[in-house]
Amino acid sequence: RIPLTAVIVDDGGYGMLRFDQDRRGHPREGVDLDTPDFVALAAAFG
C-alpha cells in the first residue's frame, strides 16, 4: 500500500531516440514501440 502516483507519458516508443533519428534524417529503427494498455496492466495488479 505504498502511496505513490506513477505518471506514464505514453508516446508509443522512445521519443528522445526518435527525435535524434528524425533530426539526422535516419530511418526510424527500434523507436516506435507497441506499448501495452497500461491501465489494464495496473488493474491486473489491483
All heavy atoms as atom14 arrays in JSON, in Angstrom:
{
  "sequence": "RIPLTAVIVDDGGYGMLRFDQDRRGHPREGVDLDTPDFVALAAAFG",
  "atom14_mask": [
    [1, 1, 1, 1, 1, 1, 1, 1, 1, 1, 1, 0, 0, 0],
    [1, 1, 1, 1, 1, 1, 1, 1, 0, 0, 0, 0, 0, 0],
    [1, 1, 1, 1, 1, 1, 1, 0, 0, 0, 0, 0, 0, 0],
    [1, 1, 1, 1, 1, 1, 1, 1, 0, 0, 0, 0, 0, 0],
    [1, 1, 1, 1, 1, 1, 1, 0, 0, 0, 0, 0, 0, 0],
    [1, 1, 1, 1, 1, 0, 0, 0, 0, 0, 0, 0, 0, 0],
    [1, 1, 1, 1, 1, 1, 1, 0, 0, 0, 0, 0, 0, 0],
    [1, 1, 1, 1, 1, 1, 1, 1, 0, 0, 0, 0, 0, 0],
    [1, 1, 1, 1, 1, 1, 1, 0, 0, 0, 0, 0, 0, 0],
    [1, 1, 1, 1, 1, 1, 1, 1, 0, 0, 0, 0, 0, 0],
    [1, 1, 1, 1, 1, 1, 1, 1, 0, 0, 0, 0, 0, 0],
    [1, 1, 1, 1, 0, 0, 0, 0, 0, 0, 0, 0, 0, 0],
    [1, 1, 1, 1, 0, 0, 0, 0, 0, 0, 0, 0, 0, 0],
    [1, 1, 1, 1, 1, 1, 1, 1, 1, 1, 1, 1, 0, 0],
    [1, 1, 1, 1, 0, 0, 0, 0, 0, 0, 0, 0, 0, 0],
    [1, 1, 1, 1, 1, 1, 1, 1, 0, 0, 0, 0, 0, 0],
    [1, 1, 1, 1, 1, 1, 1, 1, 0, 0, 0, 0, 0, 0],
    [1, 1, 1, 1, 1, 1, 1, 1, 1, 1, 1, 0, 0, 0],
    [1, 1, 1, 1, 1, 1, 1, 1, 1, 1, 1, 0, 0, 0],
    [1, 1, 1, 1, 1, 1, 1, 1, 0, 0, 0, 0, 0, 0],
    [1, 1, 1, 1, 1, 1, 1, 1, 1, 0, 0, 0, 0, 0],
    [1, 1, 1, 1, 1, 1, 1, 1, 0, 0, 0, 0, 0, 0],
    [1, 1, 1, 1, 1, 1, 1, 1, 1, 1, 1, 0, 0, 0],
    [1, 1, 1, 1, 1, 1, 1, 1, 1, 1, 1, 0, 0, 0],
    [1, 1, 1, 1, 0, 0, 0, 0, 0, 0, 0, 0, 0, 0],
    [1, 1, 1, 1, 1, 1, 1, 1, 1, 1, 0, 0, 0, 0],
    [1, 1, 1, 1, 1, 1, 1, 0, 0, 0, 0, 0, 0, 0],
    [1, 1, 1, 1, 1, 1, 1, 1, 1, 1, 1, 0, 0, 0],
    [1, 1, 1, 1, 1, 1, 1, 1, 1, 0, 0, 0, 0, 0],
    [1, 1, 1, 1, 0, 0, 0, 0, 0, 0, 0, 0, 0, 0],
    [1, 1, 1, 1, 1, 1, 1, 0, 0, 0, 0, 0, 0, 0],
    [1, 1, 1, 1, 1, 1, 1, 1, 0, 0, 0, 0, 0, 0],
    [1, 1, 1, 1, 1, 1, 1, 1, 0, 0, 0, 0, 0, 0],
    [1, 1, 1, 1, 1, 1, 1, 1, 0, 0, 0, 0, 0, 0],
    [1, 1, 1, 1, 1, 1, 1, 0, 0, 0, 0, 0, 0, 0],
    [1, 1, 1, 1, 1, 1, 1, 0, 0, 0, 0, 0, 0, 0],
    [1, 1, 1, 1, 1, 1, 1, 1, 0, 0, 0, 0, 0, 0],
    [1, 1, 1, 1, 1, 1, 1, 1, 1, 1, 1, 0, 0, 0],
    [1, 1, 1, 1, 1, 1, 1, 0, 0, 0, 0, 0, 0, 0],
    [1, 1, 1, 1, 1, 0, 0, 0, 0, 0, 0, 0, 0, 0],
    [1, 1, 1, 1, 1, 1, 1, 1, 0, 0, 0, 0, 0, 0],
    [1, 1, 1, 1, 1, 0, 0, 0, 0, 0, 0, 0, 0, 0],
    [1, 1, 1, 1, 1, 0, 0, 0, 0, 0, 0, 0, 0, 0],
    [1, 1, 1, 1, 1, 0, 0, 0, 0, 0, 0, 0, 0, 0],
    [1, 1, 1, 1, 1, 1, 1, 1, 1, 1, 1, 0, 0, 0],
    [1, 1, 1, 1, 0, 0, 0, 0, 0, 0, 0, 0, 0, 0]
  ],
  "atom14_positions": [
    [[0.84, -1.22, 0.0], [0.0, 0.0, 0.0], [0.87, 1.26, 0.0], [0.66, 2.18, 0.79], [-0.95, 0.02, 1.21], [-1.87, -1.19, 1.33], [-2.86, -1.25, 0.17], [-3.92, -2.23, 0.39], [-3.83, -3.53, 0.08], [-2.71, -4.0, -0.43], [-4.84, -4.35, 0.29], [0.0, 0.0, 0.0], [0.0, 0.0, 0.0], [0.0, 0.0, 0.0]],
    [[1.86, 1.28, -0.88], [2.79, 2.42, -0.94], [2.11, 3.58, -1.66], [1.73, 3.44, -2.83], [4.1, 2.02, -1.64], [4.78, 0.87, -0.87], [5.05, 3.22, -1.74], [5.97, 0.27, -1.59], [0.0, 0.0, 0.0], [0.0, 0.0, 0.0], [0.0, 0.0, 0.0], [0.0, 0.0, 0.0], [0.0, 0.0, 0.0], [0.0, 0.0, 0.0]],
    [[1.97, 4.74, -1.01], [1.23, 5.85, -1.64], [2.09, 6.6, -2.65], [2.81, 7.53, -2.32], [0.88, 6.75, -0.44], [1.97, 6.48, 0.55], [2.4, 5.05, 0.36], [0.0, 0.0, 0.0], [0.0, 0.0, 0.0], [0.0, 0.0, 0.0], [0.0, 0.0, 0.0], [0.0, 0.0, 0.0], [0.0, 0.0, 0.0], [0.0, 0.0, 0.0]],
    [[2.0, 6.16, -3.89], [2.82, 6.71, -4.97], [1.95, 6.91, -6.2], [1.15, 6.03, -6.54], [3.97, 5.75, -5.3], [4.67, 5.93, -6.64], [5.48, 7.2, -6.65], [5.54, 4.73, -6.98], [0.0, 0.0, 0.0], [0.0, 0.0, 0.0], [0.0, 0.0, 0.0], [0.0, 0.0, 0.0], [0.0, 0.0, 0.0], [0.0, 0.0, 0.0]],
    [[2.11, 8.04, -6.87], [1.47, 8.24, -8.16], [2.51, 8.03, -9.26], [3.5, 8.77, -9.33], [0.89, 9.66, -8.28], [-0.08, 9.86, -7.26], [0.25, 9.87, -9.64], [0.0, 0.0, 0.0], [0.0, 0.0, 0.0], [0.0, 0.0, 0.0], [0.0, 0.0, 0.0], [0.0, 0.0, 0.0], [0.0, 0.0, 0.0], [0.0, 0.0, 0.0]],
    [[2.32, 7.01, -10.06], [3.23, 6.73, -11.17], [2.63, 7.32, -12.45], [1.62, 6.84, -12.95], [3.43, 5.22, -11.33], [0.0, 0.0, 0.0], [0.0, 0.0, 0.0], [0.0, 0.0, 0.0], [0.0, 0.0, 0.0], [0.0, 0.0, 0.0], [0.0, 0.0, 0.0], [0.0, 0.0, 0.0], [0.0, 0.0, 0.0], [0.0, 0.0, 0.0]],
    [[3.24, 8.39, -12.93], [2.8, 9.03, -14.17], [3.57, 8.39, -15.33], [4.8, 8.3, -15.3], [3.06, 10.55, -14.14], [2.75, 11.18, -15.5], [2.22, 11.21, -13.05], [0.0, 0.0, 0.0], [0.0, 0.0, 0.0], [0.0, 0.0, 0.0], [0.0, 0.0, 0.0], [0.0, 0.0, 0.0], [0.0, 0.0, 0.0], [0.0, 0.0, 0.0]],
    [[2.84, 7.93, -16.33], [3.44, 7.36, -17.54], [3.02, 8.23, -18.72], [1.84, 8.35, -19.02], [2.98, 5.91, -17.79], [3.26, 5.03, -16.57], [3.66, 5.35, -19.03], [2.56, 3.68, -16.63], [0.0, 0.0, 0.0], [0.0, 0.0, 0.0], [0.0, 0.0, 0.0], [0.0, 0.0, 0.0], [0.0, 0.0, 0.0], [0.0, 0.0, 0.0]],
    [[3.98, 8.86, -19.36], [3.7, 9.63, -20.58], [3.96, 8.7, -21.76], [5.11, 8.35, -22.06], [4.56, 10.91, -20.65], [4.24, 11.68, -21.93], [4.31, 11.79, -19.43], [0.0, 0.0, 0.0], [0.0, 0.0, 0.0], [0.0, 0.0, 0.0], [0.0, 0.0, 0.0], [0.0, 0.0, 0.0], [0.0, 0.0, 0.0], [0.0, 0.0, 0.0]],
    [[2.89, 8.28, -22.38], [2.95, 7.25, -23.43], [2.96, 7.91, -24.8], [1.94, 8.4, -25.28], [1.74, 6.32, -23.28], [1.77, 5.14, -24.24], [2.69, 5.08, -25.08], [0.87, 4.28, -24.16], [0.0, 0.0, 0.0], [0.0, 0.0, 0.0], [0.0, 0.0, 0.0], [0.0, 0.0, 0.0], [0.0, 0.0, 0.0], [0.0, 0.0, 0.0]],
    [[4.13, 7.92, -25.41], [4.24, 8.46, -26.78], [4.53, 7.35, -27.78], [4.99, 7.6, -28.89], [5.29, 9.57, -26.86], [6.71, 9.1, -26.6], [6.89, 7.89, -26.29], [7.64, 9.91, -26.71], [0.0, 0.0, 0.0], [0.0, 0.0, 0.0], [0.0, 0.0, 0.0], [0.0, 0.0, 0.0], [0.0, 0.0, 0.0], [0.0, 0.0, 0.0]],
    [[4.3, 6.1, -27.35], [4.42, 4.97, -28.28], [5.84, 4.63, -28.65], [6.08, 4.16, -29.77], [0.0, 0.0, 0.0], [0.0, 0.0, 0.0], [0.0, 0.0, 0.0], [0.0, 0.0, 0.0], [0.0, 0.0, 0.0], [0.0, 0.0, 0.0], [0.0, 0.0, 0.0], [0.0, 0.0, 0.0], [0.0, 0.0, 0.0], [0.0, 0.0, 0.0]],
    [[6.78, 4.84, -27.74], [8.15, 4.45, -28.04], [9.18, 5.28, -27.31], [8.9, 5.9, -26.28], [0.0, 0.0, 0.0], [0.0, 0.0, 0.0], [0.0, 0.0, 0.0], [0.0, 0.0, 0.0], [0.0, 0.0, 0.0], [0.0, 0.0, 0.0], [0.0, 0.0, 0.0], [0.0, 0.0, 0.0], [0.0, 0.0, 0.0], [0.0, 0.0, 0.0]],
    [[10.4, 5.27, -27.85], [11.5, 6.03, -27.26], [11.58, 7.39, -27.95], [12.21, 7.55, -29.01], [12.81, 5.26, -27.41], [12.87, 4.01, -26.55], [13.02, 2.75, -27.12], [12.77, 4.09, -25.16], [13.07, 1.61, -26.34], [12.81, 2.96, -24.36], [12.96, 1.72, -24.95], [13.0, 0.59, -24.17], [0.0, 0.0, 0.0], [0.0, 0.0, 0.0]],
    [[10.94, 8.39, -27.36], [10.78, 9.69, -28.0], [12.08, 10.42, -28.24], [12.25, 11.09, -29.27], [0.0, 0.0, 0.0], [0.0, 0.0, 0.0], [0.0, 0.0, 0.0], [0.0, 0.0, 0.0], [0.0, 0.0, 0.0], [0.0, 0.0, 0.0], [0.0, 0.0, 0.0], [0.0, 0.0, 0.0], [0.0, 0.0, 0.0], [0.0, 0.0, 0.0]],
    [[13.02, 10.3, -27.29], [14.3, 11.01, -27.46], [15.11, 10.42, -28.61], [15.68, 11.15, -29.43], [15.08, 10.93, -26.15], [16.26, 11.86, -26.07], [15.79, 13.59, -25.97], [16.8, 14.24, -27.29], [0.0, 0.0, 0.0], [0.0, 0.0, 0.0], [0.0, 0.0, 0.0], [0.0, 0.0, 0.0], [0.0, 0.0, 0.0], [0.0, 0.0, 0.0]],
    [[15.15, 9.1, -28.68], [15.88, 8.45, -29.78], [15.19, 8.7, -31.12], [15.84, 8.87, -32.15], [15.99, 6.95, -29.52], [16.71, 6.56, -28.22], [16.75, 5.04, -28.07], [18.12, 7.13, -28.18], [0.0, 0.0, 0.0], [0.0, 0.0, 0.0], [0.0, 0.0, 0.0], [0.0, 0.0, 0.0], [0.0, 0.0, 0.0], [0.0, 0.0, 0.0]],
    [[13.86, 8.72, -31.08], [13.08, 9.04, -32.29], [13.44, 10.44, -32.79], [13.65, 10.66, -33.99], [11.59, 8.95, -31.95], [10.66, 9.17, -33.11], [9.23, 9.26, -32.6], [8.73, 8.0, -32.08], [7.94, 7.88, -31.01], [7.57, 8.95, -30.33], [7.51, 6.7, -30.61], [0.0, 0.0, 0.0], [0.0, 0.0, 0.0], [0.0, 0.0, 0.0]],
    [[13.53, 11.39, -31.86], [13.91, 12.77, -32.22], [15.29, 12.79, -32.86], [15.5, 13.46, -33.89], [13.87, 13.65, -30.98], [14.34, 15.07, -31.2], [13.47, 16.04, -31.65], [15.67, 15.42, -30.98], [13.9, 17.35, -31.87], [16.11, 16.72, -31.2], [15.22, 17.68, -31.64], [0.0, 0.0, 0.0], [0.0, 0.0, 0.0], [0.0, 0.0, 0.0]],
    [[16.25, 12.07, -32.26], [17.62, 12.03, -32.8], [17.63, 11.47, -34.22], [18.3, 12.01, -35.1], [18.5, 11.16, -31.9], [19.05, 11.93, -30.71], [19.1, 13.16, -30.77], [19.44, 11.29, -29.72], [0.0, 0.0, 0.0], [0.0, 0.0, 0.0], [0.0, 0.0, 0.0], [0.0, 0.0, 0.0], [0.0, 0.0, 0.0], [0.0, 0.0, 0.0]],
    [[16.9, 10.37, -34.43], [16.89, 9.76, -35.76], [16.24, 10.68, -36.79], [16.74, 10.82, -37.92], [16.19, 8.4, -35.69], [16.98, 7.36, -34.9], [16.28, 6.02, -34.79], [15.21, 5.81, -35.37], [16.88, 5.1, -34.05], [0.0, 0.0, 0.0], [0.0, 0.0, 0.0], [0.0, 0.0, 0.0], [0.0, 0.0, 0.0], [0.0, 0.0, 0.0]],
    [[15.13, 11.31, -36.41], [14.46, 12.23, -37.33], [15.35, 13.42, -37.67], [15.44, 13.85, -38.83], [13.15, 12.73, -36.71], [12.08, 11.64, -36.65], [12.28, 10.57, -37.25], [11.04, 11.89, -36.0], [0.0, 0.0, 0.0], [0.0, 0.0, 0.0], [0.0, 0.0, 0.0], [0.0, 0.0, 0.0], [0.0, 0.0, 0.0], [0.0, 0.0, 0.0]],
    [[16.03, 13.95, -36.65], [16.86, 15.14, -36.84], [18.01, 14.85, -37.8], [18.43, 15.71, -38.58], [17.4, 15.59, -35.48], [18.24, 16.86, -35.48], [18.62, 17.25, -34.07], [19.42, 16.22, -33.42], [20.75, 16.24, -33.34], [21.43, 17.22, -33.89], [21.39, 15.27, -32.71], [0.0, 0.0, 0.0], [0.0, 0.0, 0.0], [0.0, 0.0, 0.0]],
    [[18.51, 13.64, -37.75], [19.65, 13.29, -38.59], [19.23, 12.74, -39.95], [20.07, 12.37, -40.76], [20.52, 12.25, -37.86], [21.22, 12.83, -36.65], [21.91, 11.77, -35.83], [22.67, 12.37, -34.73], [23.04, 11.73, -33.64], [22.74, 10.45, -33.51], [23.72, 12.34, -32.69], [0.0, 0.0, 0.0], [0.0, 0.0, 0.0], [0.0, 0.0, 0.0]],
    [[17.91, 12.64, -40.15], [17.42, 12.12, -41.41], [17.58, 10.62, -41.55], [17.56, 10.09, -42.66], [0.0, 0.0, 0.0], [0.0, 0.0, 0.0], [0.0, 0.0, 0.0], [0.0, 0.0, 0.0], [0.0, 0.0, 0.0], [0.0, 0.0, 0.0], [0.0, 0.0, 0.0], [0.0, 0.0, 0.0], [0.0, 0.0, 0.0], [0.0, 0.0, 0.0]],
    [[17.73, 9.92, -40.42], [17.88, 8.47, -40.46], [16.5, 7.81, -40.44], [15.54, 8.37, -39.89], [18.66, 7.98, -39.24], [20.08, 8.43, -39.21], [20.9, 8.29, -38.11], [20.84, 9.06, -40.15], [22.1, 8.78, -38.37], [22.09, 9.26, -39.61], [0.0, 0.0, 0.0], [0.0, 0.0, 0.0], [0.0, 0.0, 0.0], [0.0, 0.0, 0.0]],
    [[16.37, 6.64, -41.01], [15.1, 5.91, -40.85], [14.9, 5.53, -39.39], [15.87, 5.31, -38.65], [15.29, 4.66, -41.72], [16.77, 4.5, -41.86], [17.35, 5.88, -41.8], [0.0, 0.0, 0.0], [0.0, 0.0, 0.0], [0.0, 0.0, 0.0], [0.0, 0.0, 0.0], [0.0, 0.0, 0.0], [0.0, 0.0, 0.0], [0.0, 0.0, 0.0]],
    [[13.65, 5.48, -38.96], [13.38, 5.11, -37.57], [13.65, 3.62, -37.35], [13.08, 2.78, -38.04], [11.93, 5.45, -37.2], [11.68, 6.94, -37.07], [10.28, 7.2, -36.55], [10.04, 8.64, -36.4], [8.89, 9.15, -35.97], [7.88, 8.35, -35.65], [8.75, 10.46, -35.84], [0.0, 0.0, 0.0], [0.0, 0.0, 0.0], [0.0, 0.0, 0.0]],
    [[14.51, 3.34, -36.39], [14.88, 1.95, -36.08], [14.67, 1.71, -34.59], [15.33, 2.34, -33.75], [16.36, 1.7, -36.43], [16.7, 1.83, -37.9], [16.3, 0.6, -38.71], [15.82, -0.37, -38.09], [16.45, 0.62, -39.95], [0.0, 0.0, 0.0], [0.0, 0.0, 0.0], [0.0, 0.0, 0.0], [0.0, 0.0, 0.0], [0.0, 0.0, 0.0]],
    [[13.75, 0.83, -34.25], [13.59, 0.4, -32.87], [13.1, 1.46, -31.9], [13.35, 1.36, -30.69], [0.0, 0.0, 0.0], [0.0, 0.0, 0.0], [0.0, 0.0, 0.0], [0.0, 0.0, 0.0], [0.0, 0.0, 0.0], [0.0, 0.0, 0.0], [0.0, 0.0, 0.0], [0.0, 0.0, 0.0], [0.0, 0.0, 0.0], [0.0, 0.0, 0.0]],
    [[12.42, 2.47, -32.42], [11.98, 3.56, -31.54], [10.46, 3.69, -31.47], [9.93, 4.31, -30.54], [12.58, 4.92, -31.96], [14.09, 4.91, -31.77], [12.24, 5.27, -33.4], [0.0, 0.0, 0.0], [0.0, 0.0, 0.0], [0.0, 0.0, 0.0], [0.0, 0.0, 0.0], [0.0, 0.0, 0.0], [0.0, 0.0, 0.0], [0.0, 0.0, 0.0]],
    [[9.74, 3.15, -32.44], [8.27, 3.15, -32.41], [7.83, 1.79, -31.89], [8.01, 0.77, -32.57], [7.7, 3.43, -33.8], [8.05, 4.83, -34.29], [8.05, 5.75, -33.46], [8.32, 4.98, -35.49], [0.0, 0.0, 0.0], [0.0, 0.0, 0.0], [0.0, 0.0, 0.0], [0.0, 0.0, 0.0], [0.0, 0.0, 0.0], [0.0, 0.0, 0.0]],
    [[7.3, 1.76, -30.69], [7.03, 0.51, -29.99], [5.54, 0.24, -29.85], [4.74, 1.17, -29.77], [7.66, 0.55, -28.59], [9.15, 0.91, -28.5], [9.59, 0.93, -27.05], [9.98, -0.08, -29.3], [0.0, 0.0, 0.0], [0.0, 0.0, 0.0], [0.0, 0.0, 0.0], [0.0, 0.0, 0.0], [0.0, 0.0, 0.0], [0.0, 0.0, 0.0]],
    [[5.18, -1.03, -29.81], [3.82, -1.43, -29.45], [3.75, -1.43, -27.92], [4.29, -2.34, -27.27], [3.5, -2.83, -29.99], [3.35, -2.84, -31.51], [3.04, -1.77, -32.06], [3.55, -3.9, -32.11], [0.0, 0.0, 0.0], [0.0, 0.0, 0.0], [0.0, 0.0, 0.0], [0.0, 0.0, 0.0], [0.0, 0.0, 0.0], [0.0, 0.0, 0.0]],
    [[3.14, -0.42, -27.36], [3.09, -0.32, -25.9], [1.84, -0.99, -25.36], [0.81, -1.04, -26.04], [3.13, 1.16, -25.45], [2.09, 1.88, -26.12], [4.46, 1.8, -25.78], [0.0, 0.0, 0.0], [0.0, 0.0, 0.0], [0.0, 0.0, 0.0], [0.0, 0.0, 0.0], [0.0, 0.0, 0.0], [0.0, 0.0, 0.0], [0.0, 0.0, 0.0]],
    [[1.91, -1.53, -24.15], [0.75, -2.21, -23.58], [-0.34, -1.22, -23.17], [-0.12, -0.01, -23.14], [1.33, -2.91, -22.35], [2.51, -2.08, -21.96], [3.07, -1.55, -23.25], [0.0, 0.0, 0.0], [0.0, 0.0, 0.0], [0.0, 0.0, 0.0], [0.0, 0.0, 0.0], [0.0, 0.0, 0.0], [0.0, 0.0, 0.0], [0.0, 0.0, 0.0]],
    [[-1.48, -1.77, -22.83], [-2.55, -0.98, -22.21], [-2.17, -0.83, -20.75], [-2.38, -1.74, -19.93], [-3.88, -1.73, -22.37], [-5.06, -1.0, -21.76], [-4.84, -0.16, -20.86], [-6.2, -1.27, -22.16], [0.0, 0.0, 0.0], [0.0, 0.0, 0.0], [0.0, 0.0, 0.0], [0.0, 0.0, 0.0], [0.0, 0.0, 0.0], [0.0, 0.0, 0.0]],
    [[-1.59, 0.31, -20.41], [-1.05, 0.49, -19.06], [-2.15, 0.51, -17.99], [-1.91, 0.11, -16.85], [-0.22, 1.78, -18.99], [1.11, 1.68, -19.68], [1.34, 2.31, -20.9], [2.14, 0.95, -19.12], [2.56, 2.21, -21.53], [3.38, 0.85, -19.75], [3.59, 1.47, -20.96], [0.0, 0.0, 0.0], [0.0, 0.0, 0.0], [0.0, 0.0, 0.0]],
    [[-3.33, 1.0, -18.35], [-4.43, 1.0, -17.38], [-4.81, -0.44, -17.05], [-5.0, -0.81, -15.87], [-5.64, 1.79, -17.93], [-6.85, 1.64, -17.01], [-5.27, 3.27, -18.08], [0.0, 0.0, 0.0], [0.0, 0.0, 0.0], [0.0, 0.0, 0.0], [0.0, 0.0, 0.0], [0.0, 0.0, 0.0], [0.0, 0.0, 0.0], [0.0, 0.0, 0.0]],
    [[-4.91, -1.28, -18.07], [-5.22, -2.7, -17.83], [-4.09, -3.39, -17.08], [-4.34, -4.25, -16.21], [-5.48, -3.4, -19.16], [0.0, 0.0, 0.0], [0.0, 0.0, 0.0], [0.0, 0.0, 0.0], [0.0, 0.0, 0.0], [0.0, 0.0, 0.0], [0.0, 0.0, 0.0], [0.0, 0.0, 0.0], [0.0, 0.0, 0.0], [0.0, 0.0, 0.0]],
    [[-2.84, -3.03, -17.4], [-1.7, -3.6, -16.7], [-1.77, -3.3, -15.2], [-1.61, -4.2, -14.36], [-0.4, -3.05, -17.29], [0.91, -3.47, -16.62], [1.16, -4.96, -16.83], [2.08, -2.66, -17.16], [0.0, 0.0, 0.0], [0.0, 0.0, 0.0], [0.0, 0.0, 0.0], [0.0, 0.0, 0.0], [0.0, 0.0, 0.0], [0.0, 0.0, 0.0]],
    [[-2.02, -2.03, -14.86], [-2.14, -1.65, -13.45], [-3.3, -2.38, -12.79], [-3.19, -2.86, -11.66], [-2.3, -0.14, -13.33], [0.0, 0.0, 0.0], [0.0, 0.0, 0.0], [0.0, 0.0, 0.0], [0.0, 0.0, 0.0], [0.0, 0.0, 0.0], [0.0, 0.0, 0.0], [0.0, 0.0, 0.0], [0.0, 0.0, 0.0], [0.0, 0.0, 0.0]],
    [[-4.42, -2.47, -13.51], [-5.61, -3.14, -12.95], [-5.32, -4.6, -12.65], [-5.84, -5.16, -11.68], [-6.78, -3.01, -13.92], [0.0, 0.0, 0.0], [0.0, 0.0, 0.0], [0.0, 0.0, 0.0], [0.0, 0.0, 0.0], [0.0, 0.0, 0.0], [0.0, 0.0, 0.0], [0.0, 0.0, 0.0], [0.0, 0.0, 0.0], [0.0, 0.0, 0.0]],
    [[-4.48, -5.23, -13.46], [-4.13, -6.63, -13.23], [-3.41, -6.82, -11.89], [-3.47, -7.89, -11.28], [-3.26, -7.15, -14.37], [0.0, 0.0, 0.0], [0.0, 0.0, 0.0], [0.0, 0.0, 0.0], [0.0, 0.0, 0.0], [0.0, 0.0, 0.0], [0.0, 0.0, 0.0], [0.0, 0.0, 0.0], [0.0, 0.0, 0.0], [0.0, 0.0, 0.0]],
    [[-2.73, -5.77, -11.44], [-2.07, -5.81, -10.14], [-2.99, -5.3, -9.02], [-2.57, -5.24, -7.86], [-0.8, -4.95, -10.17], [0.35, -5.55, -10.92], [0.54, -5.29, -12.26], [1.25, -6.39, -10.28], [1.6, -5.84, -12.96], [2.31, -6.95, -10.97], [2.49, -6.68, -12.31], [0.0, 0.0, 0.0], [0.0, 0.0, 0.0], [0.0, 0.0, 0.0]],
    [[-4.21, -4.9, -9.37], [-5.1, -4.34, -8.37], [-4.8, -2.9, -8.02], [-5.16, -2.42, -6.94], [0.0, 0.0, 0.0], [0.0, 0.0, 0.0], [0.0, 0.0, 0.0], [0.0, 0.0, 0.0], [0.0, 0.0, 0.0], [0.0, 0.0, 0.0], [0.0, 0.0, 0.0], [0.0, 0.0, 0.0], [0.0, 0.0, 0.0], [0.0, 0.0, 0.0]]
  ]
}
